[in-house]
């Protein structure tokens, strides 16, 4: 009886965290879809220059010269793994909401 109780407890302990994680997962970006994003952080890279970063689920979007809190409409054109960070990174076209900036996002290297 004790063995059964320990086995059942172990199985439930492994299953419950997975269920909780699955409930919190946001929808990832899809190629061809349009999204409105808000820049969350600013970075500066010696190879690509300054950029703002946002995420759509687990997919990273890097907009050149973007500042925190700026909003952009983006259309995803491709998603690839970034060879340096391992993150899934989107290539996209962007247009600033309430602004005049437009262009191409920084694709994954």
N, C-alpha and C. Protein backbone atom coordinates (compact mmCIF):
# COMPACT_ATOMS: atom_id res chain seq x y z
N UNK A 1 0.82 -1.19 0.00
CA UNK A 1 0.00 0.00 0.00
C UNK A 1 0.87 1.26 0.00
N UNK A 2 1.93 1.26 0.81
CA UNK A 2 2.82 2.41 0.88
C UNK A 2 3.51 2.65 -0.47
N UNK A 3 3.91 1.55 -1.12
CA UNK A 3 4.55 1.67 -2.44
C UNK A 3 3.60 2.32 -3.44
N UNK A 4 2.33 1.91 -3.44
CA UNK A 4 1.33 2.47 -4.34
C UNK A 4 1.16 3.97 -4.08
N UNK A 5 1.09 4.35 -2.81
CA UNK A 5 0.92 5.73 -2.43
C UNK A 5 2.10 6.59 -2.89
N UNK A 6 3.32 6.09 -2.69
CA UNK A 6 4.51 6.82 -3.12
C UNK A 6 4.57 6.96 -4.64
N UNK A 7 4.24 5.90 -5.34
CA UNK A 7 4.25 5.92 -6.80
C UNK A 7 3.22 6.91 -7.34
N UNK A 8 2.03 6.89 -6.80
CA UNK A 8 0.97 7.80 -7.23
C UNK A 8 1.36 9.25 -6.96
N UNK A 9 1.92 9.50 -5.80
CA UNK A 9 2.36 10.86 -5.44
C UNK A 9 3.44 11.35 -6.39
N UNK A 10 4.39 10.48 -6.71
CA UNK A 10 5.47 10.86 -7.62
C UNK A 10 4.94 11.18 -9.01
N UNK A 11 4.01 10.38 -9.51
CA UNK A 11 3.43 10.61 -10.83
C UNK A 11 2.67 11.93 -10.85
N UNK A 12 1.87 12.19 -9.83
CA UNK A 12 1.12 13.44 -9.77
C UNK A 12 2.05 14.65 -9.66
N UNK A 13 3.10 14.52 -8.89
CA UNK A 13 4.05 15.61 -8.73
C UNK A 13 4.71 15.97 -10.06
N UNK A 14 4.96 14.99 -10.90
CA UNK A 14 5.56 15.25 -12.21
C UNK A 14 4.54 15.82 -13.19
N UNK A 15 3.30 15.38 -13.10
CA UNK A 15 2.27 15.79 -14.06
C UNK A 15 1.73 17.19 -13.78
N UNK A 16 1.57 17.55 -12.53
CA UNK A 16 0.93 18.82 -12.20
C UNK A 16 1.70 20.05 -12.68
N UNK A 17 3.02 20.13 -12.50
CA UNK A 17 3.72 21.33 -13.01
C UNK A 17 3.60 21.48 -14.52
N UNK A 18 3.57 20.39 -15.26
CA UNK A 18 3.44 20.45 -16.71
C UNK A 18 2.09 21.05 -17.08
N UNK A 19 1.04 20.64 -16.40
CA UNK A 19 -0.29 21.16 -16.68
C UNK A 19 -0.33 22.66 -16.42
N UNK A 20 0.26 23.11 -15.33
CA UNK A 20 0.27 24.53 -15.00
C UNK A 20 1.06 25.32 -16.04
N UNK A 21 2.21 24.81 -16.48
CA UNK A 21 3.00 25.51 -17.49
C UNK A 21 2.24 25.63 -18.80
N UNK A 22 1.59 24.55 -19.22
CA UNK A 22 0.86 24.57 -20.48
C UNK A 22 -0.23 25.63 -20.49
N UNK A 23 -0.86 25.87 -19.35
CA UNK A 23 -1.93 26.86 -19.27
C UNK A 23 -1.40 28.28 -19.43
N UNK A 24 -0.12 28.52 -19.13
CA UNK A 24 0.44 29.86 -19.19
C UNK A 24 1.10 30.19 -20.53
N UNK A 25 1.27 29.22 -21.42
CA UNK A 25 1.97 29.44 -22.69
C UNK A 25 1.14 30.35 -23.58
N UNK A 26 1.77 31.42 -24.10
CA UNK A 26 1.11 32.32 -25.03
C UNK A 26 1.25 31.77 -26.45
N UNK A 27 0.38 32.22 -27.31
CA UNK A 27 0.42 31.80 -28.71
C UNK A 27 1.65 32.38 -29.40
N UNK A 28 2.38 31.57 -30.15
CA UNK A 28 3.56 32.03 -30.88
C UNK A 28 3.15 32.71 -32.19
N UNK A 29 4.07 33.53 -32.69
CA UNK A 29 3.87 34.20 -33.97
C UNK A 29 3.84 33.16 -35.09
N UNK A 30 3.13 33.50 -36.15
CA UNK A 30 3.06 32.63 -37.33
C UNK A 30 3.41 33.45 -38.57
N UNK A 31 4.11 32.82 -39.51
CA UNK A 31 4.50 33.46 -40.76
C UNK A 31 3.24 33.89 -41.51
N UNK A 32 3.26 35.12 -42.03
CA UNK A 32 2.14 35.65 -42.79
C UNK A 32 1.14 36.43 -41.95
N UNK A 33 1.22 36.32 -40.64
CA UNK A 33 0.27 37.00 -39.75
C UNK A 33 0.77 38.40 -39.39
N UNK A 34 -0.18 39.28 -39.05
CA UNK A 34 0.15 40.63 -38.61
C UNK A 34 -0.14 40.75 -37.13
N UNK A 35 0.72 41.51 -36.43
CA UNK A 35 0.60 41.69 -34.99
C UNK A 35 0.92 43.13 -34.65
N UNK A 36 0.36 43.62 -33.53
CA UNK A 36 0.79 44.89 -32.97
C UNK A 36 1.65 44.56 -31.76
N UNK A 37 2.86 45.11 -31.75
CA UNK A 37 3.79 44.84 -30.65
C UNK A 37 4.14 46.15 -29.95
N UNK A 38 4.58 46.03 -28.70
CA UNK A 38 5.11 47.15 -27.93
C UNK A 38 6.53 46.79 -27.54
N UNK A 39 7.47 47.66 -27.82
CA UNK A 39 8.88 47.39 -27.52
C UNK A 39 9.07 47.31 -26.01
N UNK A 40 9.67 46.22 -25.57
CA UNK A 40 9.86 45.96 -24.13
C UNK A 40 11.25 46.37 -23.65
N UNK A 41 12.27 46.15 -24.49
CA UNK A 41 13.65 46.47 -24.09
C UNK A 41 14.40 47.08 -25.26
N UNK A 42 15.47 47.79 -24.93
CA UNK A 42 16.37 48.34 -25.95
C UNK A 42 17.72 47.65 -25.81
N UNK A 43 18.33 47.30 -26.91
CA UNK A 43 19.64 46.65 -26.94
C UNK A 43 20.52 47.39 -27.94
N UNK A 44 21.82 47.15 -27.84
CA UNK A 44 22.77 47.70 -28.82
C UNK A 44 23.79 46.61 -29.11
N UNK A 45 23.88 46.22 -30.36
CA UNK A 45 24.76 45.14 -30.77
C UNK A 45 25.81 45.70 -31.72
N UNK A 46 27.05 45.29 -31.55
CA UNK A 46 28.12 45.82 -32.39
C UNK A 46 27.96 45.48 -33.86
N UNK A 47 27.19 44.45 -34.17
CA UNK A 47 27.01 44.04 -35.57
C UNK A 47 25.74 44.61 -36.19
N UNK A 48 24.66 44.73 -35.41
CA UNK A 48 23.39 45.18 -35.97
C UNK A 48 23.03 46.59 -35.57
N UNK A 49 23.73 47.16 -34.56
CA UNK A 49 23.40 48.49 -34.07
C UNK A 49 22.29 48.44 -33.04
N UNK A 50 21.72 49.62 -32.70
CA UNK A 50 20.68 49.67 -31.68
C UNK A 50 19.35 49.13 -32.21
N UNK A 51 18.61 48.47 -31.33
CA UNK A 51 17.30 47.94 -31.70
C UNK A 51 16.44 47.78 -30.46
N UNK A 52 15.12 47.74 -30.69
CA UNK A 52 14.17 47.45 -29.63
C UNK A 52 13.67 46.03 -29.81
N UNK A 53 13.40 45.37 -28.68
CA UNK A 53 12.99 43.97 -28.73
C UNK A 53 11.60 43.79 -28.12
N UNK A 54 10.81 42.95 -28.76
CA UNK A 54 9.50 42.55 -28.25
C UNK A 54 9.36 41.05 -28.52
N UNK A 55 8.40 40.42 -27.86
CA UNK A 55 8.15 38.99 -28.07
C UNK A 55 6.69 38.77 -28.41
N UNK A 56 6.48 37.83 -29.30
CA UNK A 56 5.15 37.33 -29.59
C UNK A 56 5.19 35.86 -29.18
N UNK A 57 4.69 35.56 -28.00
CA UNK A 57 4.88 34.23 -27.43
C UNK A 57 6.36 34.03 -27.18
N UNK A 58 6.94 33.00 -27.77
CA UNK A 58 8.37 32.75 -27.60
C UNK A 58 9.21 33.28 -28.75
N UNK A 59 8.58 33.94 -29.72
CA UNK A 59 9.28 34.45 -30.89
C UNK A 59 9.74 35.88 -30.65
N UNK A 60 11.04 36.14 -30.87
CA UNK A 60 11.63 37.46 -30.67
C UNK A 60 11.49 38.30 -31.94
N UNK A 61 11.13 39.58 -31.75
CA UNK A 61 11.05 40.53 -32.85
C UNK A 61 11.99 41.69 -32.51
N UNK A 62 12.94 41.98 -33.39
CA UNK A 62 13.91 43.06 -33.18
C UNK A 62 13.69 44.16 -34.23
N UNK A 63 13.32 45.35 -33.75
CA UNK A 63 13.05 46.48 -34.64
C UNK A 63 14.22 47.47 -34.52
N UNK A 64 14.90 47.77 -35.63
CA UNK A 64 16.06 48.67 -35.56
C UNK A 64 15.67 50.06 -35.05
N UNK A 65 16.52 50.62 -34.16
CA UNK A 65 16.37 51.97 -33.61
C UNK A 65 15.06 52.22 -32.87
N UNK A 66 14.37 51.17 -32.43
CA UNK A 66 13.11 51.33 -31.70
C UNK A 66 13.39 51.60 -30.22
N UNK A 67 12.49 52.33 -29.59
CA UNK A 67 12.61 52.70 -28.18
C UNK A 67 11.53 52.00 -27.36
N UNK A 68 11.81 51.81 -26.07
CA UNK A 68 10.86 51.18 -25.15
C UNK A 68 9.52 51.92 -25.20
N UNK A 69 8.44 51.15 -25.19
CA UNK A 69 7.05 51.64 -25.21
C UNK A 69 6.56 52.06 -26.59
N UNK A 70 7.42 52.12 -27.61
CA UNK A 70 6.92 52.41 -28.96
C UNK A 70 6.12 51.20 -29.43
N UNK A 71 5.08 51.49 -30.23
CA UNK A 71 4.23 50.42 -30.76
C UNK A 71 4.41 50.31 -32.27
N UNK A 72 4.38 49.07 -32.75
CA UNK A 72 4.57 48.80 -34.17
C UNK A 72 3.59 47.75 -34.64
N UNK A 73 3.15 47.89 -35.89
CA UNK A 73 2.44 46.81 -36.58
C UNK A 73 3.50 46.05 -37.35
N UNK A 74 3.54 44.73 -37.18
CA UNK A 74 4.52 43.90 -37.88
C UNK A 74 3.81 42.79 -38.65
N UNK A 75 4.38 42.46 -39.81
CA UNK A 75 3.92 41.29 -40.58
C UNK A 75 5.09 40.33 -40.64
N UNK A 76 4.90 39.13 -40.09
CA UNK A 76 5.96 38.14 -40.00
C UNK A 76 6.19 37.52 -41.38
N UNK A 77 7.47 37.55 -41.84
CA UNK A 77 7.79 36.99 -43.15
C UNK A 77 8.56 35.67 -43.04
N UNK A 78 9.23 35.45 -41.91
CA UNK A 78 9.96 34.19 -41.68
C UNK A 78 10.28 34.08 -40.19
N UNK A 79 10.51 32.86 -39.73
CA UNK A 79 10.95 32.61 -38.35
C UNK A 79 12.07 31.59 -38.42
N UNK A 80 13.21 31.95 -37.80
CA UNK A 80 14.37 31.05 -37.78
C UNK A 80 14.99 31.06 -36.39
N UNK A 81 15.78 30.05 -36.12
CA UNK A 81 16.52 30.02 -34.86
C UNK A 81 17.72 30.94 -34.96
N UNK A 82 17.93 31.75 -33.94
CA UNK A 82 19.11 32.61 -33.86
C UNK A 82 20.28 31.72 -33.46
N UNK A 83 21.32 31.64 -34.28
CA UNK A 83 22.43 30.72 -34.03
C UNK A 83 23.23 31.06 -32.78
N UNK A 84 23.13 32.29 -32.29
CA UNK A 84 23.90 32.69 -31.12
C UNK A 84 23.12 32.54 -29.81
N UNK A 85 21.82 32.85 -29.84
CA UNK A 85 21.02 32.81 -28.61
C UNK A 85 20.16 31.56 -28.51
N UNK A 86 19.88 30.93 -29.65
CA UNK A 86 18.98 29.77 -29.67
C UNK A 86 17.51 30.16 -29.70
N UNK A 87 17.20 31.47 -29.56
CA UNK A 87 15.82 31.93 -29.60
C UNK A 87 15.26 31.81 -31.01
N UNK A 88 13.94 31.66 -31.10
CA UNK A 88 13.26 31.75 -32.39
C UNK A 88 13.06 33.23 -32.68
N UNK A 89 13.56 33.69 -33.82
CA UNK A 89 13.55 35.11 -34.15
C UNK A 89 12.83 35.34 -35.47
N UNK A 90 11.99 36.38 -35.51
CA UNK A 90 11.18 36.67 -36.69
C UNK A 90 11.88 37.65 -37.62
N UNK A 91 11.73 37.42 -38.90
CA UNK A 91 11.99 38.43 -39.92
C UNK A 91 10.62 39.04 -40.18
N UNK A 92 10.56 40.36 -40.34
CA UNK A 92 9.25 40.97 -40.53
C UNK A 92 9.38 42.34 -41.18
N UNK A 93 8.24 42.85 -41.60
CA UNK A 93 8.11 44.23 -42.07
C UNK A 93 7.40 44.97 -40.95
N UNK A 94 7.85 46.21 -40.66
CA UNK A 94 7.21 46.95 -39.57
C UNK A 94 6.76 48.32 -40.02
N UNK A 95 5.75 48.84 -39.31
CA UNK A 95 5.27 50.20 -39.48
C UNK A 95 4.91 50.72 -38.10
N UNK A 96 5.44 51.86 -37.73
CA UNK A 96 5.21 52.42 -36.40
C UNK A 96 3.77 52.90 -36.26
N UNK A 97 3.14 52.58 -35.14
CA UNK A 97 1.81 53.08 -34.83
C UNK A 97 1.96 54.52 -34.37
N UNK A 98 1.18 55.43 -34.91
CA UNK A 98 1.25 56.86 -34.57
C UNK A 98 2.64 57.44 -34.81
N UNK A 99 3.29 56.99 -35.86
CA UNK A 99 4.63 57.49 -36.20
C UNK A 99 4.86 57.32 -37.69
N UNK A 100 6.08 57.63 -38.13
CA UNK A 100 6.38 57.56 -39.56
C UNK A 100 7.47 56.57 -39.91
N UNK A 101 7.87 55.73 -38.95
CA UNK A 101 8.93 54.78 -39.23
C UNK A 101 8.35 53.51 -39.85
N UNK A 102 9.06 52.98 -40.83
CA UNK A 102 8.72 51.68 -41.42
C UNK A 102 9.96 51.06 -41.99
N UNK A 103 9.92 49.74 -42.17
CA UNK A 103 11.09 49.05 -42.71
C UNK A 103 11.07 47.57 -42.39
N UNK A 104 12.26 47.01 -42.33
CA UNK A 104 12.42 45.56 -42.10
C UNK A 104 13.00 45.32 -40.71
N UNK A 105 12.49 44.30 -40.02
CA UNK A 105 13.04 43.89 -38.73
C UNK A 105 14.40 43.25 -38.93
N UNK A 106 15.15 43.11 -37.86
CA UNK A 106 16.46 42.46 -37.92
C UNK A 106 16.24 40.95 -37.89
N UNK A 107 16.61 40.23 -38.96
CA UNK A 107 16.39 38.77 -39.00
C UNK A 107 17.42 38.02 -38.15
N UNK A 108 17.15 36.76 -37.90
CA UNK A 108 18.10 35.92 -37.18
C UNK A 108 19.35 35.71 -37.99
N UNK A 109 20.52 35.78 -37.33
CA UNK A 109 21.77 35.51 -38.06
C UNK A 109 21.92 34.03 -38.35
